């Protein structure tokens, strides 16, 4: 236990020094102050600012560098945990469903200074060929939809940023979410969890995820995919279970890990943030479950469906998922156009990845 402060007796003030001594003391003090100022000036020239230190970290230097033909991407603020990068993916740059185009533009409209990276199936495979060869056998064997799943985990591990499916529409900027979190996952509406999955635990979705680079969660997801593939092969598991949302959920809740602990840096944001609406093309089986089930969980989910038939949008809603996919019912993905028609020439942060054994560079594309 620390000792209490000791009271000291007051001492009388010392006698004033002679005038000559006072002048000498003043000169001495002036010299000391001048020396201190000089040292500070020198140190300010050789010191490296926190921003510069961030720019020189190996991960960012190899992962978020633009090629010489393009202006460098805007560097993140010193307190930014997740890089200001939006990743989206589709099969090719030539045939993107026009239904997606306005939703894709919403991300650059609300994040005009962020880097936007568009990935294709070919890029996804090259990511494993060049940087993650330990998973290459799986990546070359599974279907393209599973390859796209695997690639989003790998790019979030290597580069970081925000991965979001092309059928997501942004409704407000993500800057604050990137500033305060290290990794965030998204959860589907409770009605999906209870009425479609017949589960009481949250249904995680891999259609929108964000992370700082290097988080071990992503390698664990890829390891778990490889383990399941080695045990069962690609034919015995559908994409949702082998590489998709159920695998993310399995890894997150695994008793062998501590990903659910606060120390992991992972947060699961509630449905109102990114999934205010249900998949309307799946409404019939949900309504059927409401007619058949009488348990409390189902009753609560069905009451929510009745109360919010068009979704529950709140001030926390940052995006909404339109639940479109090639295998979805009523997807209406019958009109296509190239990437150059999605964005305008004024969108100066649209890039494509160039993947090498040393890292990933972003090449700005011309939209004229």
Protein backbone atom coordinates (compact mmCIF):
# COMPACT_ATOMS: atom_id res chain seq x y z
CA UNK A 1 0.00 0.00 0.00
CA UNK A 2 1.38 3.38 -0.97
CA UNK A 3 2.42 5.65 1.88
CA UNK A 4 0.34 8.78 2.41
CA UNK A 5 1.91 12.07 1.33
CA UNK A 6 4.27 13.48 3.94
CA UNK A 7 3.57 17.05 5.06
CA UNK A 8 6.71 19.16 4.77
CA UNK A 9 7.38 22.18 7.00
CA UNK A 10 7.33 25.49 5.19
CA UNK A 11 10.79 26.94 4.56
CA UNK A 12 11.60 30.59 4.37
CA UNK A 13 12.41 31.91 0.91
CA UNK A 14 16.15 32.16 0.15
CA UNK A 15 17.75 35.53 -0.05
CA UNK A 16 17.82 37.10 -3.52
CA UNK A 17 21.17 36.61 -5.28
CA UNK A 18 23.36 39.56 -6.12
CA UNK A 19 22.65 41.37 -9.42
CA UNK A 20 25.72 39.87 -11.19
CA UNK A 21 24.72 36.38 -10.14
CA UNK A 22 21.18 37.02 -11.36
CA UNK A 23 22.53 38.06 -14.79
CA UNK A 24 24.61 34.88 -14.99
CA UNK A 25 21.61 32.77 -14.02
CA UNK A 26 19.50 34.46 -16.71
CA UNK A 27 22.14 33.85 -19.37
CA UNK A 28 22.44 30.20 -18.34
CA UNK A 29 18.66 29.70 -18.51
CA UNK A 30 18.52 31.31 -21.96
CA UNK A 31 21.20 28.93 -23.25
CA UNK A 32 19.32 25.93 -21.84
CA UNK A 33 16.06 27.01 -23.49
CA UNK A 34 17.81 27.60 -26.83
CA UNK A 35 19.32 24.11 -26.71
CA UNK A 36 15.93 22.55 -25.98
CA UNK A 37 14.31 24.34 -28.91
CA UNK A 38 17.10 23.17 -31.22
CA UNK A 39 16.68 19.57 -30.10
CA UNK A 40 12.93 19.72 -30.69
CA UNK A 41 13.46 21.14 -34.16
CA UNK A 42 15.90 18.38 -35.05
CA UNK A 43 13.66 15.65 -33.68
CA UNK A 44 10.68 16.99 -35.61
CA UNK A 45 12.64 16.57 -38.85
CA UNK A 46 13.57 12.95 -38.23
CA UNK A 47 10.34 11.79 -36.57
CA UNK A 48 7.90 9.72 -38.66
CA UNK A 49 4.24 10.56 -38.29
CA UNK A 50 1.69 7.85 -37.44
CA UNK A 51 0.13 8.29 -40.90
CA UNK A 52 3.48 7.62 -42.59
CA UNK A 53 4.10 4.61 -40.41
CA UNK A 54 0.75 3.23 -41.51
CA UNK A 55 1.68 3.76 -45.12
CA UNK A 56 4.88 1.80 -44.67
CA UNK A 57 3.43 -1.33 -43.07
CA UNK A 58 4.15 -4.40 -45.25
CA UNK A 59 0.50 -5.47 -45.53
CA UNK A 60 -0.70 -2.14 -46.84
CA UNK A 61 2.34 -1.61 -49.06
CA UNK A 62 1.75 -4.88 -50.93
CA UNK A 63 -2.03 -4.98 -50.78
CA UNK A 64 -3.33 -1.48 -51.44
CA UNK A 65 -0.80 -0.14 -53.91
CA UNK A 66 -1.95 1.24 -57.23
CA UNK A 67 0.11 0.80 -60.37
CA UNK A 68 2.01 3.72 -61.81
CA UNK A 69 -0.65 4.46 -64.42
CA UNK A 70 -3.20 5.18 -61.71
CA UNK A 71 -3.19 7.74 -58.93
CA UNK A 72 -2.63 6.15 -55.51
CA UNK A 73 -5.72 5.26 -53.54
CA UNK A 74 -6.54 7.59 -50.69
CA UNK A 75 -4.80 6.39 -47.54
CA UNK A 76 -6.95 5.55 -44.52
CA UNK A 77 -7.08 7.88 -41.56
CA UNK A 78 -4.76 6.97 -38.65
CA UNK A 79 -7.69 5.79 -36.50
CA UNK A 80 -9.31 3.76 -39.30
CA UNK A 81 -9.31 0.07 -38.47
CA UNK A 82 -10.85 -1.24 -41.70
CA UNK A 83 -9.49 0.12 -45.01
CA UNK A 84 -11.75 2.28 -47.17
CA UNK A 85 -12.10 -0.30 -49.93
CA UNK A 86 -15.28 -1.74 -51.45
CA UNK A 87 -14.93 -5.17 -53.08
CA UNK A 88 -17.61 -6.53 -55.42
CA UNK A 89 -17.57 -9.55 -57.69
CA UNK A 90 -19.33 -11.09 -60.66
CA UNK A 91 -18.54 -13.73 -63.26
CA UNK A 92 -16.97 -11.33 -65.76
CA UNK A 93 -16.67 -7.63 -66.58
CA UNK A 94 -18.71 -8.04 -69.77
CA UNK A 95 -22.05 -9.47 -68.57
CA UNK A 96 -23.20 -7.88 -65.34
CA UNK A 97 -26.98 -7.94 -64.78
CA UNK A 98 -28.34 -4.46 -65.45
CA UNK A 99 -30.64 -4.94 -62.48
CA UNK A 100 -27.53 -4.65 -60.29
CA UNK A 101 -26.16 -1.47 -61.86
CA UNK A 102 -27.92 1.20 -59.74
CA UNK A 103 -27.21 -0.77 -56.58
CA UNK A 104 -23.52 -1.04 -57.47
CA UNK A 105 -23.38 2.70 -58.15
CA UNK A 106 -24.83 3.42 -54.70
CA UNK A 107 -21.53 2.32 -53.10
CA UNK A 108 -19.40 4.79 -55.02
CA UNK A 109 -22.00 7.55 -54.67
CA UNK A 110 -21.94 7.33 -50.88
CA UNK A 111 -18.19 6.61 -50.70
CA UNK A 112 -16.73 8.93 -53.37
CA UNK A 113 -13.18 8.84 -51.97
CA UNK A 114 -13.03 5.09 -51.34
CA UNK A 115 -11.31 2.62 -53.66
CA UNK A 116 -13.73 0.33 -55.50
CA UNK A 117 -12.39 -3.03 -56.72
CA UNK A 118 -14.29 -5.30 -59.11
CA UNK A 119 -13.36 -9.01 -59.09
CA UNK A 120 -14.19 -11.73 -61.64
CA UNK A 121 -14.12 -15.53 -61.52
CA UNK A 122 -10.70 -15.44 -63.20
CA UNK A 123 -9.38 -13.03 -60.56
CA UNK A 124 -10.75 -15.24 -57.81
CA UNK A 125 -8.87 -18.29 -59.06
CA UNK A 126 -5.68 -16.30 -59.57
CA UNK A 127 -5.88 -15.15 -55.96
CA UNK A 128 -5.36 -18.76 -54.86
CA UNK A 129 -2.82 -19.56 -57.55
CA UNK A 130 -0.58 -16.68 -56.54
CA UNK A 131 -1.16 -16.07 -52.83
CA UNK A 132 -3.05 -18.95 -51.20
CA UNK A 133 -1.81 -22.13 -52.93
CA UNK A 134 -2.64 -24.28 -49.89
CA UNK A 135 -6.31 -23.96 -50.89
CA UNK A 136 -5.80 -24.12 -54.66
CA UNK A 137 -6.97 -27.72 -55.09
CA UNK A 138 -10.29 -26.86 -53.46
CA UNK A 139 -10.61 -23.60 -55.41
CA UNK A 140 -10.09 -25.39 -58.75
CA UNK A 141 -12.54 -28.19 -57.93
CA UNK A 142 -15.59 -26.44 -56.47
CA UNK A 143 -18.23 -24.62 -58.48
CA UNK A 144 -17.72 -20.98 -59.37
CA UNK A 145 -20.19 -19.83 -56.71
CA UNK A 146 -18.09 -21.58 -54.06
CA UNK A 147 -14.90 -20.14 -55.54
CA UNK A 148 -16.45 -16.68 -55.15
CA UNK A 149 -17.17 -17.49 -51.50
CA UNK A 150 -13.59 -18.58 -50.87
CA UNK A 151 -12.14 -15.57 -52.66
CA UNK A 152 -13.97 -13.07 -50.45
CA UNK A 153 -12.45 -14.66 -47.35
CA UNK A 154 -8.98 -14.60 -48.89
CA UNK A 155 -9.14 -10.99 -50.09
CA UNK A 156 -10.45 -9.79 -46.72
CA UNK A 157 -7.52 -11.56 -45.07
CA UNK A 158 -4.95 -10.19 -47.51
CA UNK A 159 -6.27 -6.69 -48.21
CA UNK A 160 -9.12 -5.99 -45.84
CA UNK A 161 -11.96 -3.62 -46.56
CA UNK A 162 -15.64 -4.26 -47.22
CA UNK A 163 -16.86 -7.15 -49.32
CA UNK A 164 -20.46 -6.76 -50.50
CA UNK A 165 -22.50 -8.70 -53.05
CA UNK A 166 -23.61 -6.85 -56.17
CA UNK A 167 -27.29 -7.08 -55.19
CA UNK A 168 -26.78 -4.89 -52.12
CA UNK A 169 -27.86 -1.25 -52.14
CA UNK A 170 -26.03 1.20 -49.88
CA UNK A 171 -28.21 3.67 -47.95
CA UNK A 172 -25.66 5.53 -45.83
CA UNK A 173 -21.85 5.75 -45.56
CA UNK A 174 -19.86 3.06 -43.76
CA UNK A 175 -17.06 5.35 -42.54
CA UNK A 176 -17.99 5.14 -38.87
CA UNK A 177 -18.46 1.37 -38.98
CA UNK A 178 -14.97 1.02 -40.45
CA UNK A 179 -13.52 3.36 -37.84
CA UNK A 180 -14.87 1.64 -34.73
CA UNK A 181 -14.68 -2.04 -35.73
CA UNK A 182 -11.90 -4.46 -36.58
CA UNK A 183 -14.15 -7.07 -38.20
CA UNK A 184 -17.91 -7.13 -38.54
CA UNK A 185 -20.22 -9.83 -39.81
CA UNK A 186 -23.85 -9.51 -40.81
CA UNK A 187 -26.91 -11.44 -39.68
CA UNK A 188 -30.02 -12.25 -41.66
CA UNK A 189 -33.56 -11.39 -40.56
CA UNK A 190 -34.81 -13.37 -37.59
CA UNK A 191 -37.60 -14.75 -39.77
CA UNK A 192 -34.98 -16.48 -41.94
CA UNK A 193 -33.28 -17.98 -38.90
CA UNK A 194 -36.42 -19.36 -37.29
CA UNK A 195 -38.73 -20.12 -40.20
CA UNK A 196 -36.30 -21.19 -42.93
CA UNK A 197 -33.30 -22.52 -41.01
CA UNK A 198 -35.39 -23.83 -38.10
CA UNK A 199 -32.71 -22.52 -35.74
CA UNK A 200 -32.53 -20.36 -32.66
CA UNK A 201 -28.98 -19.14 -33.24
CA UNK A 202 -28.31 -16.16 -35.46
CA UNK A 203 -28.02 -16.83 -39.20
CA UNK A 204 -24.78 -15.27 -40.39
CA UNK A 205 -24.58 -14.25 -44.03
CA UNK A 206 -21.43 -13.89 -46.11
CA UNK A 207 -22.95 -11.41 -48.58
CA UNK A 208 -21.60 -8.42 -46.62
CA UNK A 209 -18.52 -8.58 -44.40
CA UNK A 210 -15.74 -6.17 -43.48
CA UNK A 211 -12.36 -6.60 -41.86
CA UNK A 212 -8.95 -5.18 -41.21
CA UNK A 213 -6.29 -7.17 -43.11
CA UNK A 214 -4.65 -10.16 -41.48
CA UNK A 215 -7.44 -11.23 -39.14
CA UNK A 216 -7.06 -14.98 -38.34
CA UNK A 217 -10.79 -15.62 -38.68
CA UNK A 218 -10.57 -15.73 -42.48
CA UNK A 219 -7.80 -18.32 -42.60
CA UNK A 220 -9.76 -20.44 -40.14
CA UNK A 221 -12.81 -20.30 -42.42
CA UNK A 222 -10.63 -21.40 -45.35
CA UNK A 223 -9.06 -24.16 -43.24
CA UNK A 224 -12.52 -25.41 -42.24
CA UNK A 225 -13.60 -25.42 -45.90
CA UNK A 226 -10.54 -27.44 -46.85
CA UNK A 227 -11.11 -29.91 -44.00
CA UNK A 228 -14.74 -30.44 -45.03
CA UNK A 229 -13.73 -30.79 -48.67
CA UNK A 230 -11.06 -33.37 -47.81
CA UNK A 231 -13.58 -35.37 -45.77
CA UNK A 232 -16.63 -35.16 -48.01
CA UNK A 233 -15.59 -33.83 -51.40
CA UNK A 234 -17.36 -31.10 -53.33
CA UNK A 235 -20.28 -33.26 -54.46
CA UNK A 236 -21.63 -34.15 -51.02
CA UNK A 237 -22.02 -30.55 -49.82
CA UNK A 238 -23.95 -27.70 -51.38
CA UNK A 239 -22.30 -24.30 -51.68
CA UNK A 240 -24.17 -22.84 -48.71
CA UNK A 241 -22.84 -25.55 -46.41
CA UNK A 242 -19.36 -26.07 -47.89
CA UNK A 243 -18.21 -22.51 -48.54
CA UNK A 244 -21.11 -20.17 -47.83
CA UNK A 245 -23.04 -18.75 -44.86
CA UNK A 246 -23.28 -22.00 -42.90
CA UNK A 247 -19.52 -22.44 -42.99
CA UNK A 248 -19.00 -18.88 -41.71
CA UNK A 249 -21.46 -19.64 -38.91
CA UNK A 250 -19.76 -22.96 -38.12
CA UNK A 251 -16.35 -21.32 -37.84
CA UNK A 252 -17.61 -18.40 -35.78
CA UNK A 253 -19.43 -20.57 -33.22
CA UNK A 254 -16.84 -23.36 -33.12
CA UNK A 255 -16.04 -24.37 -29.51
CA UNK A 256 -12.42 -24.84 -30.59
CA UNK A 257 -12.04 -21.11 -31.22
CA UNK A 258 -12.62 -17.92 -29.26
CA UNK A 259 -14.15 -15.94 -32.12
CA UNK A 260 -17.31 -15.25 -30.12
CA UNK A 261 -15.30 -13.58 -27.35
CA UNK A 262 -14.85 -9.83 -27.14
CA UNK A 263 -11.08 -10.27 -27.45
CA UNK A 264 -11.47 -11.63 -30.99
CA UNK A 265 -12.41 -8.19 -32.31
CA UNK A 266 -15.38 -9.66 -34.20
CA UNK A 267 -18.87 -8.18 -33.90
CA UNK A 268 -22.09 -9.48 -35.42
CA UNK A 269 -24.33 -6.57 -36.31
CA UNK A 270 -28.12 -7.11 -36.08
CA UNK A 271 -30.31 -7.47 -39.19
CA UNK A 272 -31.47 -3.85 -39.18
CA UNK A 273 -27.98 -2.75 -40.30
CA UNK A 274 -27.84 -4.65 -43.62
CA UNK A 275 -30.85 -6.97 -43.86
CA UNK A 276 -33.98 -4.95 -43.10
CA UNK A 277 -35.93 -6.99 -45.68
CA UNK A 278 -36.53 -10.71 -46.07
CA UNK A 279 -36.03 -12.63 -49.30
CA UNK A 280 -39.51 -12.06 -50.70
CA UNK A 281 -39.15 -14.93 -53.16
CA UNK A 282 -38.90 -17.18 -50.08
CA UNK A 283 -42.00 -15.72 -48.45
CA UNK A 284 -44.24 -18.72 -49.18
CA UNK A 285 -42.30 -21.26 -47.06
CA UNK A 286 -42.08 -18.71 -44.24
CA UNK A 287 -45.84 -18.15 -44.30
CA UNK A 288 -46.38 -21.92 -44.39
CA UNK A 289 -44.20 -22.29 -41.28
CA UNK A 290 -46.28 -19.59 -39.59
CA UNK A 291 -49.45 -21.61 -40.21
CA UNK A 292 -47.93 -24.85 -38.96
CA UNK A 293 -45.78 -23.87 -36.00
CA UNK A 294 -47.07 -22.80 -32.59
CA UNK A 295 -43.80 -22.35 -30.65
CA UNK A 296 -42.83 -19.01 -29.16
CA UNK A 297 -39.88 -18.45 -31.51
CA UNK A 298 -42.03 -18.95 -34.59
CA UNK A 299 -44.81 -16.79 -33.16
CA UNK A 300 -42.38 -13.91 -32.63
CA UNK A 301 -40.93 -14.25 -36.14
CA UNK A 302 -44.38 -14.40 -37.74
CA UNK A 303 -45.54 -11.34 -35.82
CA UNK A 304 -42.50 -9.48 -37.15
CA UNK A 305 -43.39 -10.51 -40.72
CA UNK A 306 -46.91 -9.15 -40.27
CA UNK A 307 -45.73 -5.94 -38.63
CA UNK A 308 -43.04 -5.19 -41.23
CA UNK A 309 -44.28 -6.59 -44.57
CA UNK A 310 -41.89 -4.27 -46.45
CA UNK A 311 -38.95 -4.56 -44.07
CA UNK A 312 -37.81 -2.85 -40.88
CA UNK A 313 -35.69 0.16 -41.79
CA UNK A 314 -34.14 2.14 -38.91
CA UNK A 315 -31.54 4.86 -38.43
CA UNK A 316 -28.99 2.03 -38.16
CA UNK A 317 -29.78 0.72 -41.64
CA UNK A 318 -26.67 1.19 -43.81
CA UNK A 319 -27.62 -1.09 -46.69
CA UNK A 320 -30.36 -3.41 -47.88
CA UNK A 321 -30.03 -6.77 -49.56
CA UNK A 322 -32.29 -7.32 -52.56
CA UNK A 323 -31.74 -11.10 -52.47
CA UNK A 324 -31.02 -11.59 -56.18
CA UNK A 325 -28.96 -14.49 -57.50
CA UNK A 326 -28.75 -16.73 -60.55
CA UNK A 327 -30.58 -19.52 -58.72
CA UNK A 328 -33.12 -17.31 -56.91
CA UNK A 329 -36.75 -17.45 -57.98
CA UNK A 330 -38.01 -14.32 -59.76
CA UNK A 331 -34.45 -12.96 -60.04
CA UNK A 332 -35.12 -11.37 -63.47
CA UNK A 333 -31.43 -11.42 -64.41
CA UNK A 334 -32.00 -11.50 -68.16
CA UNK A 335 -30.39 -8.22 -69.26
CA UNK A 336 -26.64 -7.65 -69.11
CA UNK A 337 -24.06 -4.96 -69.81
CA UNK A 338 -20.37 -4.38 -69.16
CA UNK A 339 -18.68 -2.76 -66.20
CA UNK A 340 -18.00 0.34 -68.28
CA UNK A 341 -21.74 1.04 -68.36
CA UNK A 342 -22.20 0.72 -64.60
CA UNK A 343 -20.10 3.72 -63.61
CA UNK A 344 -19.48 7.11 -65.17
CA UNK A 345 -16.10 8.67 -66.08
CA UNK A 346 -16.43 10.90 -63.01
CA UNK A 347 -16.05 7.78 -60.81
CA UNK A 348 -12.28 7.97 -60.52
CA UNK A 349 -11.74 5.23 -57.94
CA UNK A 350 -12.97 2.22 -59.96
CA UNK A 351 -10.21 -0.40 -60.16
CA UNK A 352 -9.43 -3.98 -61.10
CA UNK A 353 -7.00 -6.22 -59.22
CA UNK A 354 -3.62 -7.29 -60.53
CA UNK A 355 -2.45 -10.31 -58.53
CA UNK A 356 1.20 -11.38 -58.29
CA UNK A 357 3.13 -13.59 -55.86
CA UNK A 358 4.17 -10.43 -53.98
CA UNK A 359 0.69 -9.01 -53.47
CA UNK A 360 -2.22 -7.25 -55.11
CA UNK A 361 -2.22 -3.97 -56.99
CA UNK A 362 -5.26 -1.96 -58.01
CA UNK A 363 -5.33 -0.70 -61.58
CA UNK A 364 -7.66 2.15 -62.29
CA UNK A 365 -9.83 1.46 -65.32
CA UNK A 366 -10.89 3.92 -67.99
CA UNK A 367 -14.63 4.50 -68.29
CA UNK A 368 -14.66 6.88 -71.26
